[in-house]
Amino acid sequence: MPETAKSGARTLSHPPRSLVRNWWPAVVWVGVLFTESTDMASAHNTGGLLYDVLSFVNPDVTQSFVDILNEVLRKSGHFLGYGLLSVLVFFALRNTNRDRIWRLIARPWGTCLRDLWRMEWSFLGVMAALGMATYDEIHQSFIPSRTGRWQDVIIDTSGAIALQLVMYLLMTRKLKHGGPTAARPELTSTR
């Protein structure tokens, strides 16, 4: 095999340190989501903790208010938690791709939208959130203090889609406003 082909193949490989560096946030977040899927994060337990905290701040807080607030916080947590998972998978894919090919391209990295955002990264981020949410709800259906609800999978996936749209908007804005600038002519006299 010619030397150039060998060196090119080595450049396209994924060193283990690169994979660990790019994927550890997503893996840790999956662990957090697994933990939240247990009895420890049941509505009864989070509601009790929320009541204790709110009653410490305001002793006149009612249980009905705490129940409503607990439900809002739990559903917001679903939306944001799985949205964050999709974003972390997106960044892991993007950074892994960057580490794999940035030395091979003839232009600076990050000067094209394709460097910052790709539909397949976004799609895989949403699919990771959907898969994890589905697993989570099936797992919860076997825990007596939890319920597995398909509505939560919809909330989770909606959060993933919403945050991926935000990612697209941020990346296009970054490219439009933060791209490389052309050298400016010097305005001083050379005399």
C-alpha atoms as a PDB file:
ATOM      1  CA  MET A   1       0.000   0.000   0.000  1.00  0.00           C
ATOM      2  CA  PRO A   2       1.417   3.458  -0.860  1.00  0.00           C
ATOM      3  CA  GLU A   3       2.531   5.638   2.052  1.00  0.00           C
ATOM      4  CA  THR A   4      -0.061   8.349   1.288  1.00  0.00           C
ATOM      5  CA  ALA A   5      -2.905   5.844   1.501  1.00  0.00           C
ATOM      6  CA  LYS A   6      -1.572   4.532   4.814  1.00  0.00           C
ATOM      7  CA  SER A   7      -1.262   7.995   6.329  1.00  0.00           C
ATOM      8  CA  GLY A   8      -4.716   8.972   5.028  1.00  0.00           C
ATOM      9  CA  ALA A   9      -6.252   5.889   6.620  1.00  0.00           C
ATOM     10  CA  ARG A  10      -4.587   6.728   9.920  1.00  0.00           C
ATOM     11  CA  THR A  11      -5.900  10.301   9.766  1.00  0.00           C
ATOM     12  CA  LEU A  12      -9.470   9.071   9.254  1.00  0.00           C
ATOM     13  CA  SER A  13      -9.344   6.700  12.215  1.00  0.00           C
ATOM     14  CA  HIS A  14     -10.780   7.668  15.580  1.00  0.00           C
ATOM     15  CA  PRO A  15      -8.191   7.660  18.369  1.00  0.00           C
ATOM     16  CA  PRO A  16      -9.786   6.379  21.592  1.00  0.00           C
ATOM     17  CA  ARG A  17      -8.929   9.600  23.458  1.00  0.00           C
ATOM     18  CA  SER A  18     -10.800  11.614  20.829  1.00  0.00           C
ATOM     19  CA  LEU A  19     -13.880   9.419  21.127  1.00  0.00           C
ATOM     20  CA  VAL A  20     -13.843   9.598  24.911  1.00  0.00           C
ATOM     21  CA  ARG A  21     -13.356  13.383  24.861  1.00  0.00           C
ATOM     22  CA  ASN A  22     -16.233  13.863  22.398  1.00  0.00           C
ATOM     23  CA  TRP A  23     -18.723  11.373  23.810  1.00  0.00           C
ATOM     24  CA  TRP A  24     -18.315  11.503  27.605  1.00  0.00           C
ATOM     25  CA  PRO A  25     -20.896  14.314  28.133  1.00  0.00           C
ATOM     26  CA  ALA A  26     -23.582  12.360  26.248  1.00  0.00           C
ATOM     27  CA  VAL A  27     -22.750   9.144  28.103  1.00  0.00           C
ATOM     28  CA  VAL A  28     -22.857  10.897  31.491  1.00  0.00           C
ATOM     29  CA  TRP A  29     -26.190  12.509  30.606  1.00  0.00           C
ATOM     30  CA  VAL A  30     -27.623   9.095  29.654  1.00  0.00           C
ATOM     31  CA  GLY A  31     -26.558   7.963  33.139  1.00  0.00           C
ATOM     32  CA  VAL A  32     -28.411  10.911  34.674  1.00  0.00           C
ATOM     33  CA  LEU A  33     -31.524  10.012  32.668  1.00  0.00           C
ATOM     34  CA  PHE A  34     -31.224   6.364  33.782  1.00  0.00           C
ATOM     35  CA  THR A  35     -31.060   7.526  37.398  1.00  0.00           C
ATOM     36  CA  GLU A  36     -34.123   9.723  36.948  1.00  0.00           C
ATOM     37  CA  SER A  37     -35.996   6.694  35.609  1.00  0.00           C
ATOM     38  CA  THR A  38     -35.821   4.955  38.986  1.00  0.00           C
ATOM     39  CA  ASP A  39     -38.118   5.045  42.006  1.00  0.00           C
ATOM     40  CA  MET A  40     -35.890   7.760  43.495  1.00  0.00           C
ATOM     41  CA  ALA A  41     -37.310  10.309  41.005  1.00  0.00           C
ATOM     42  CA  SER A  42     -40.969   9.284  41.248  1.00  0.00           C
ATOM     43  CA  ALA A  43     -43.594  12.034  41.378  1.00  0.00           C
ATOM     44  CA  HIS A  44     -44.247  11.230  45.039  1.00  0.00           C
ATOM     45  CA  ASN A  45     -40.577  11.642  45.990  1.00  0.00           C
ATOM     46  CA  THR A  46     -39.960  14.806  43.955  1.00  0.00           C
ATOM     47  CA  GLY A  47     -43.261  16.284  45.182  1.00  0.00           C
ATOM     48  CA  GLY A  48     -42.306  15.619  48.795  1.00  0.00           C
ATOM     49  CA  LEU A  49     -38.904  17.222  48.355  1.00  0.00           C
ATOM     50  CA  LEU A  50     -40.441  20.208  46.561  1.00  0.00           C
ATOM     51  CA  TYR A  51     -43.013  20.609  49.357  1.00  0.00           C
ATOM     52  CA  ASP A  52     -40.281  20.538  52.011  1.00  0.00           C
ATOM     53  CA  VAL A  53     -38.258  23.207  50.207  1.00  0.00           C
ATOM     54  CA  LEU A  54     -41.244  25.469  49.473  1.00  0.00           C
ATOM     55  CA  SER A  55     -42.707  25.120  52.966  1.00  0.00           C
ATOM     56  CA  PHE A  56     -39.335  26.122  54.416  1.00  0.00           C
ATOM     57  CA  VAL A  57     -39.425  29.310  52.303  1.00  0.00           C
ATOM     58  CA  ASN A  58     -43.177  29.899  52.701  1.00  0.00           C
ATOM     59  CA  PRO A  59     -44.916  27.950  55.482  1.00  0.00           C
ATOM     60  CA  ASP A  60     -48.359  28.789  54.001  1.00  0.00           C
ATOM     61  CA  VAL A  61     -47.762  26.894  50.736  1.00  0.00           C
ATOM     62  CA  THR A  62     -50.617  24.561  49.808  1.00  0.00           C
ATOM     63  CA  GLN A  63     -50.231  20.953  48.728  1.00  0.00           C
ATOM     64  CA  SER A  64     -52.319  21.601  45.581  1.00  0.00           C
ATOM     65  CA  PHE A  65     -49.911  24.351  44.492  1.00  0.00           C
ATOM     66  CA  VAL A  66     -46.944  22.045  45.083  1.00  0.00           C
ATOM     67  CA  ASP A  67     -48.628  19.263  43.081  1.00  0.00           C
ATOM     68  CA  ILE A  68     -49.213  21.570  40.110  1.00  0.00           C
ATOM     69  CA  LEU A  69     -45.688  22.998  40.299  1.00  0.00           C
ATOM     70  CA  ASN A  70     -44.243  19.481  40.594  1.00  0.00           C
ATOM     71  CA  GLU A  71     -46.088  18.382  37.443  1.00  0.00           C
ATOM     72  CA  VAL A  72     -44.956  21.472  35.502  1.00  0.00           C
ATOM     73  CA  LEU A  73     -41.342  20.991  36.615  1.00  0.00           C
ATOM     74  CA  ARG A  74     -41.412  17.276  35.781  1.00  0.00           C
ATOM     75  CA  LYS A  75     -42.771  17.840  32.255  1.00  0.00           C
ATOM     76  CA  SER A  76     -40.340  20.723  31.703  1.00  0.00           C
ATOM     77  CA  GLY A  77     -37.588  18.385  32.861  1.00  0.00           C
ATOM     78  CA  HIS A  78     -38.661  15.831  30.260  1.00  0.00           C
ATOM     79  CA  PHE A  79     -38.643  18.459  27.522  1.00  0.00           C
ATOM     80  CA  LEU A  80     -35.276  19.964  28.464  1.00  0.00           C
ATOM     81  CA  GLY A  81     -33.568  16.761  29.591  1.00  0.00           C
ATOM     82  CA  TYR A  82     -34.121  14.889  26.360  1.00  0.00           C
ATOM     83  CA  GLY A  83     -33.533  18.038  24.339  1.00  0.00           C
ATOM     84  CA  LEU A  84     -30.157  18.304  26.041  1.00  0.00           C
ATOM     85  CA  LEU A  85     -29.437  14.658  25.235  1.00  0.00           C
ATOM     86  CA  SER A  86     -30.071  15.339  21.544  1.00  0.00           C
ATOM     87  CA  VAL A  87     -27.764  18.376  21.650  1.00  0.00           C
ATOM     88  CA  LEU A  88     -25.003  16.411  23.389  1.00  0.00           C
ATOM     89  CA  VAL A  89     -25.236  13.654  20.768  1.00  0.00           C
ATOM     90  CA  PHE A  90     -25.183  16.331  18.045  1.00  0.00           C
ATOM     91  CA  PHE A  91     -21.971  17.855  19.450  1.00  0.00           C
ATOM     92  CA  ALA A  92     -20.388  14.430  19.926  1.00  0.00           C
ATOM     93  CA  LEU A  93     -21.047  13.582  16.273  1.00  0.00           C
ATOM     94  CA  ARG A  94     -19.867  16.977  15.076  1.00  0.00           C
ATOM     95  CA  ASN A  95     -16.675  16.936  17.105  1.00  0.00           C
ATOM     96  CA  THR A  96     -15.896  13.348  16.156  1.00  0.00           C
ATOM     97  CA  ASN A  97     -16.290  14.321  12.503  1.00  0.00           C
ATOM     98  CA  ARG A  98     -14.093  17.367  13.028  1.00  0.00           C
ATOM     99  CA  ASP A  99     -11.342  15.345  14.681  1.00  0.00           C
ATOM    100  CA  ARG A 100     -11.517  12.830  11.877  1.00  0.00           C
ATOM    101  CA  ILE A 101     -11.258  15.094   8.831  1.00  0.00           C
ATOM    102  CA  TRP A 102     -10.097  18.619   9.719  1.00  0.00           C
ATOM    103  CA  ARG A 103      -6.528  17.894   8.647  1.00  0.00           C
ATOM    104  CA  LEU A 104      -7.693  16.670   5.245  1.00  0.00           C
ATOM    105  CA  ILE A 105      -9.609  19.728   4.078  1.00  0.00           C
ATOM    106  CA  ALA A 106      -7.905  22.579   2.277  1.00  0.00           C
ATOM    107  CA  ARG A 107      -9.806  25.356   4.069  1.00  0.00           C
ATOM    108  CA  PRO A 108     -10.096  26.462   7.690  1.00  0.00           C
ATOM    109  CA  TRP A 109     -12.512  24.362   9.748  1.00  0.00           C
ATOM    110  CA  GLY A 110     -15.783  26.083  10.619  1.00  0.00           C
ATOM    111  CA  THR A 111     -16.065  28.281   7.536  1.00  0.00           C
ATOM    112  CA  CYS A 112     -18.985  26.297   6.058  1.00  0.00           C
ATOM    113  CA  LEU A 113     -22.346  25.424   7.546  1.00  0.00           C
ATOM    114  CA  ARG A 114     -21.534  21.768   6.827  1.00  0.00           C
ATOM    115  CA  ASP A 115     -18.749  21.989   9.433  1.00  0.00           C
ATOM    116  CA  LEU A 116     -21.085  23.330  12.107  1.00  0.00           C
ATOM    117  CA  TRP A 117     -24.448  21.694  11.399  1.00  0.00           C
ATOM    118  CA  ARG A 118     -25.629  18.724   9.400  1.00  0.00           C
ATOM    119  CA  MET A 119     -29.078  17.255   9.092  1.00  0.00           C
ATOM    120  CA  GLU A 120     -27.784  13.755   9.860  1.00  0.00           C
ATOM    121  CA  TRP A 121     -26.236  14.921  13.156  1.00  0.00           C
ATOM    122  CA  SER A 122     -29.483  16.587  14.099  1.00  0.00           C
ATOM    123  CA  PHE A 123     -31.536  13.568  13.057  1.00  0.00           C
ATOM    124  CA  LEU A 124     -29.331  11.163  15.016  1.00  0.00           C
ATOM    125  CA  GLY A 125     -29.564  13.433  18.069  1.00  0.00           C
ATOM    126  CA  VAL A 126     -33.369  13.338  17.907  1.00  0.00           C
ATOM    127  CA  MET A 127     -33.334   9.562  17.325  1.00  0.00           C
ATOM    128  CA  ALA A 128     -31.069   9.063  20.359  1.00  0.00           C
ATOM    129  CA  ALA A 129     -33.514  11.074  22.481  1.00  0.00           C
ATOM    130  CA  LEU A 130     -36.494   9.160  21.072  1.00  0.00           C
ATOM    131  CA  GLY A 131     -34.834   5.807  21.697  1.00  0.00           C
ATOM    132  CA  MET A 132     -33.802   6.723  25.228  1.00  0.00           C
ATOM    133  CA  ALA A 133     -37.253   8.171  25.990  1.00  0.00           C
ATOM    134  CA  THR A 134     -38.965   5.023  24.729  1.00  0.00           C
ATOM    135  CA  TYR A 135     -36.673   2.820  26.798  1.00  0.00           C
ATOM    136  CA  ASP A 136     -37.220   5.070  29.820  1.00  0.00           C
ATOM    137  CA  GLU A 137     -41.015   4.837  29.651  1.00  0.00           C
ATOM    138  CA  ILE A 138     -40.967   1.052  29.111  1.00  0.00           C
ATOM    139  CA  HIS A 139     -38.592   0.712  32.078  1.00  0.00           C
ATOM    140  CA  GLN A 140     -40.844   2.889  34.248  1.00  0.00           C
ATOM    141  CA  SER A 141     -43.864   0.729  33.466  1.00  0.00           C
ATOM    142  CA  PHE A 142     -42.190  -2.092  35.458  1.00  0.00           C
ATOM    143  CA  ILE A 143     -41.561   0.071  38.550  1.00  0.00           C
ATOM    144  CA  PRO A 144     -44.559   0.157  40.932  1.00  0.00           C
ATOM    145  CA  SER A 145     -44.112   3.830  41.887  1.00  0.00           C
ATOM    146  CA  ARG A 146     -43.718   4.976  38.253  1.00  0.00           C
ATOM    147  CA  THR A 147     -45.860   4.944  35.149  1.00  0.00           C
ATOM    148  CA  GLY A 148     -44.750   4.547  31.561  1.00  0.00           C
ATOM    149  CA  ARG A 149     -46.621   7.063  29.392  1.00  0.00           C
ATOM    150  CA  TRP A 150     -46.393   7.483  25.641  1.00  0.00           C
ATOM    151  CA  GLN A 151     -47.262  11.169  26.155  1.00  0.00           C
ATOM    152  CA  ASP A 152     -43.914  11.622  27.891  1.00  0.00           C
ATOM    153  CA  VAL A 153     -42.133  10.169  24.855  1.00  0.00           C
ATOM    154  CA  ILE A 154     -43.856  12.839  22.748  1.00  0.00           C
ATOM    155  CA  ILE A 155     -42.785  15.579  25.178  1.00  0.00           C
ATOM    156  CA  ASP A 156     -39.213  14.225  25.180  1.00  0.00           C
ATOM    157  CA  THR A 157     -39.037  14.043  21.396  1.00  0.00           C
ATOM    158  CA  SER A 158     -40.565  17.508  21.077  1.00  0.00           C
ATOM    159  CA  GLY A 159     -37.828  18.853  23.330  1.00  0.00           C
ATOM    160  CA  ALA A 160     -35.192  17.168  21.183  1.00  0.00           C
ATOM    161  CA  ILE A 161     -36.659  18.617  17.976  1.00  0.00           C
ATOM    162  CA  ALA A 162     -37.026  22.090  19.499  1.00  0.00           C
ATOM    163  CA  LEU A 163     -33.439  22.192  20.725  1.00  0.00           C
ATOM    164  CA  GLN A 164     -32.179  20.913  17.370  1.00  0.00           C
ATOM    165  CA  LEU A 165     -33.988  23.812  15.672  1.00  0.00           C
ATOM    166  CA  VAL A 166     -32.318  26.167  18.131  1.00  0.00           C
ATOM    167  CA  MET A 167     -28.971  24.534  17.271  1.00  0.00           C
ATOM    168  CA  TYR A 168     -29.567  25.128  13.568  1.00  0.00           C
ATOM    169  CA  LEU A 169     -30.411  28.785  14.166  1.00  0.00           C
ATOM    170  CA  LEU A 170     -27.388  29.291  16.418  1.00  0.00           C
ATOM    171  CA  MET A 171     -25.013  27.636  13.950  1.00  0.00           C
ATOM    172  CA  THR A 172     -26.272  29.649  10.972  1.00  0.00           C
ATOM    173  CA  ARG A 173     -26.022  32.816  13.058  1.00  0.00           C
ATOM    174  CA  LYS A 174     -22.517  31.892  14.185  1.00  0.00           C
ATOM    175  CA  LEU A 175     -21.456  31.325  10.602  1.00  0.00           C
ATOM    176  CA  LYS A 176     -23.050  34.569   9.442  1.00  0.00           C
ATOM    177  CA  HIS A 177     -21.655  36.762  12.235  1.00  0.00           C
ATOM    178  CA  GLY A 178     -18.616  34.920  13.486  1.00  0.00           C
ATOM    179  CA  GLY A 179     -17.017  33.682  10.286  1.00  0.00           C
ATOM    180  CA  PRO A 180     -13.481  34.546   9.299  1.00  0.00           C
ATOM    181  CA  THR A 181     -13.004  38.184   8.446  1.00  0.00           C
ATOM    182  CA  ALA A 182     -11.104  39.467   5.458  1.00  0.00           C
ATOM    183  CA  ALA A 183      -7.918  41.407   6.071  1.00  0.00           C
ATOM    184  CA  ARG A 184      -8.610  45.126   6.251  1.00  0.00           C
ATOM    185  CA  PRO A 185      -6.454  47.570   4.337  1.00  0.00           C
ATOM    186  CA  GLU A 186      -4.111  49.636   6.399  1.00  0.00           C
ATOM    187  CA  LEU A 187      -5.044  53.325   6.417  1.00  0.00           C
ATOM    188  CA  THR A 188      -1.791  54.808   7.678  1.00  0.00           C
ATOM    189  CA  SER A 189       0.584  56.682   5.459  1.00  0.00           C
ATOM    190  CA  THR A 190       3.884  54.995   4.460  1.00  0.00           C
ATOM    191  CA  ARG A 191       5.809  58.277   4.170  1.00  0.00           C
END
